[in-house]
Every structure is written in structure tokens, then in C-alpha cells.
Amino acid sequence: MAARRLNLTISDDGKGIQLERIREKAVEAGLVTTSELDTLSEDDIRALIFHPGFSTASSVTEISGRGVGLSVVKDAVERLQGEVKIESQSGVDCQFKISVPLSLSTHRLILMESQGQILAIPTHAVQRVQRAKSQDLLNIEGRPTLKVNGVNVPIMALSQLLGMKDTSVKPNEDALAFAVLKMGEKRLAVAVDRLLGEREGLIKDLGSPLSRSGRFAGALLLDRASIVLVLNPPALFEAYHQLRHGQPLQITQRAAEKQKLRILVVDDSFTTRILEKSILEAKGYIVSVATDGLEALTFLKSHEVDLIISDVEMPRMDGLTLLQNVRANPKLAKLPVIMVSSKDQREDQERGLQLGADAYLPKQEFNQKILLDTIRQVI
């Protein structure tokens, strides 16, 4: 035990991990191409064994060869906001090192801003934070890098890792801000718009939808109406690996669309959009998103939906104006609309309902069960 973390090492005295066998199976399974193998480090190759369904076994038995054991271990450790890494010597041994926090009550977190959205990351996954001017960055083999303690660390924007529409990074006072992440021997410099300092708080589990998306470990409640998503560091390294090698970034595992109901989520907050989208897709809904009322109206001109879930306060066109436009359009007039607002005043709720909202949910009371129950009531 060290630094409020439980460190567990599991080792054997077998043959160690056979890297060549992993390479062969990875190419055979289509996880990487032959040319991509040349760019992978030994750590990257070992990490492939955590991929769901991956196995080097020549035969399948009741307890081995199915390619699920290690992927389950990795998922379980990451749900505990921990990490697992491998150390192996060919012909000597293999060690799996698991590290998880001793207490899941409170955590030290670094707050950062990307594309106007505030996000958090556990401090245990951050080697350092620093600022650097663009002219101080290096370009190695066509990829930007940041020199950290004499080591060249690859760079990628947080917005790109999360699959945001705008992946640019905005310098502040002519300098870029970086959080240098660590996972075992790996390092990744994540570029953000601003670093906002540290905060200690409770990480709340948001349930299976966000767990399946992989990108987030939970959420931090900053105040009564502000939720900050907490990033999952191992998932950021995986996203970097996929983007670096030209694989599509895995955003969300869409559930089977058995209900076939189409929902438009309208909110200027990236955090709220991704939260609601994850919850709804996990229940089988087909979800589209818009950042404000004007973008929503443009979308509705060429797409049909079965329900709108809209924030009230948004730039360009707020939710109540969007609601008025929907009710004034003969083609959309009967479309169910749920309003979600950070304002908990009775007069605001009454105004929304008078304008034709089918339901009005205060963000202070917002949770997965209330949202899904309300949808079932209005559709």
C-alpha cells in the first residue's frame, strides 16, 4: 500500500508473454495491420491481450481460450478508478500489477477546460501540468511532442480524444496548457484550453451507460446545478492509440435499437449532452444532439424525431423560444417536448408548461430513473 492506493502484483514462473504470438494473432484478428506493428512498443503489444475476445490459445476450454478473462479484469479495475499493467520477460516470468485507490469516498482531481466544457481527471494519473509555447513543441515522425524531463511525450488535444466536433486548442496568453498523463511507463500530453486547479470531491458513479462508454469514471458535483464529468485515464490512452493508428475513435456502444424511438437532445453543455445521450442510447433510443434551439430547428427541417429533450437557457435561441417555434409549426405541433432547466422556480416551470411543454425537469432533481420514467409518460 502506498499513497492511499492498494498495489497488487500477481506473478508466475512460466514462459512469459510471447510477443511474436500476440503479433500474429493481432494481425489475424484485424486489430492492427502488419505495417502498424512496426510502430508499436512492447508495452503496446502486451496491451492487446486486454482486447475483448483476444486469445493466443490454440484450443478453447471451459476456463480458457475464450478471450474474456483479461478484458473483464481490465474493466473491473478501471471501474474502481485503477489501472493494470504487465511486465514480462520471455522465458522467465510474467507479472500483472494492479493499482486501485484504497478509498472511493473522495479524490483529488485536476479541473480543466476544453471547448468551453469543464472536465476533471484524478491527480494520481497526472505526472505534471505545464504550459508551453507552440514554437517550443517538437515534431517527431510527423507527430507533435512535448519534452518532459528530457523525454519526448506525444501530444493530442483532449477535444480530439473525446470526439468533439471542434478539436482545436486555444492558447491562453500565447501558451498552450498540458496535463501530462501517466499509465505505467506510458506518457501522454493532453492539450486543453485552460487548467483550472485542483479540487477534492466525491466521484459519483453514473451507472452502466457511462461505464460502457469508457471515457468517464463518474461525475463530480461542483454545486447544486453543476456536474463535471471525471475522465477515465486508461480510456484516454486507448483513444490516443486508436487515433494514432487511424482506427475510428470508439465513442459510445449503441444499444440494440429495439424501441426505434428517435430523440433529439438540445443543450449547450457538452457534459449534459453526453450524459443524456449515453443514458438514452443504453436503453435503445436513437439519439441526435443539437447545441441550441437554432441548431435544433435546422435539424428538424430534414429529420424526423419522436421526442425533444431541451435545456432552457442556451445561446442564440433558448429552449422556450424553441418550444414556441415547435408548437407553431403544424408538422411539429404534436411532438412531445421535455424541458430541463437549472432554474427551480415555480413560475419558470409554469411558463414552460403554458407554452406547451409536456414535462419540466429541474436539473437539481435530474437522474437516470426520473428521465426514463418521464419519457415513458409523454411518448
Foldseek 3Di string as FASTA:
>chain_A
DPPQKDKDKDKDFAQWDDLVLLVVQCCVVVVAPPVVVVVDDSQRSVVVLLPAQDDSDPDDDPVDDRSHVNVVVQLVLLLLLKGWGKDTDGGGMIMIMIMGGNDQFKFKWWWAAAPRAIAIEGPVFFPDKDKAAPVQWDADPNFTFDQDPNDTAGEAEPCVLQVHPDRDEADDPRIWIWTWGDDPPHIYTYTGNGTDGMDMFHFAAQDDLVSQQVQFSGWGDPDLQDIHTYGRVVSSVVSCVCVVRVHDRRGGDFDAQPVAAEEEEEALHPVVVSSVVSLVRNVNYHYDYHNALVRVVVVVVPDDGQEYEYEADHPPHGPLNSLLVQCVDPVRNLRAYEYEYCDPDPVVQVSSVVSPHPYYHYSSPDGSVVVVVSVVVSD
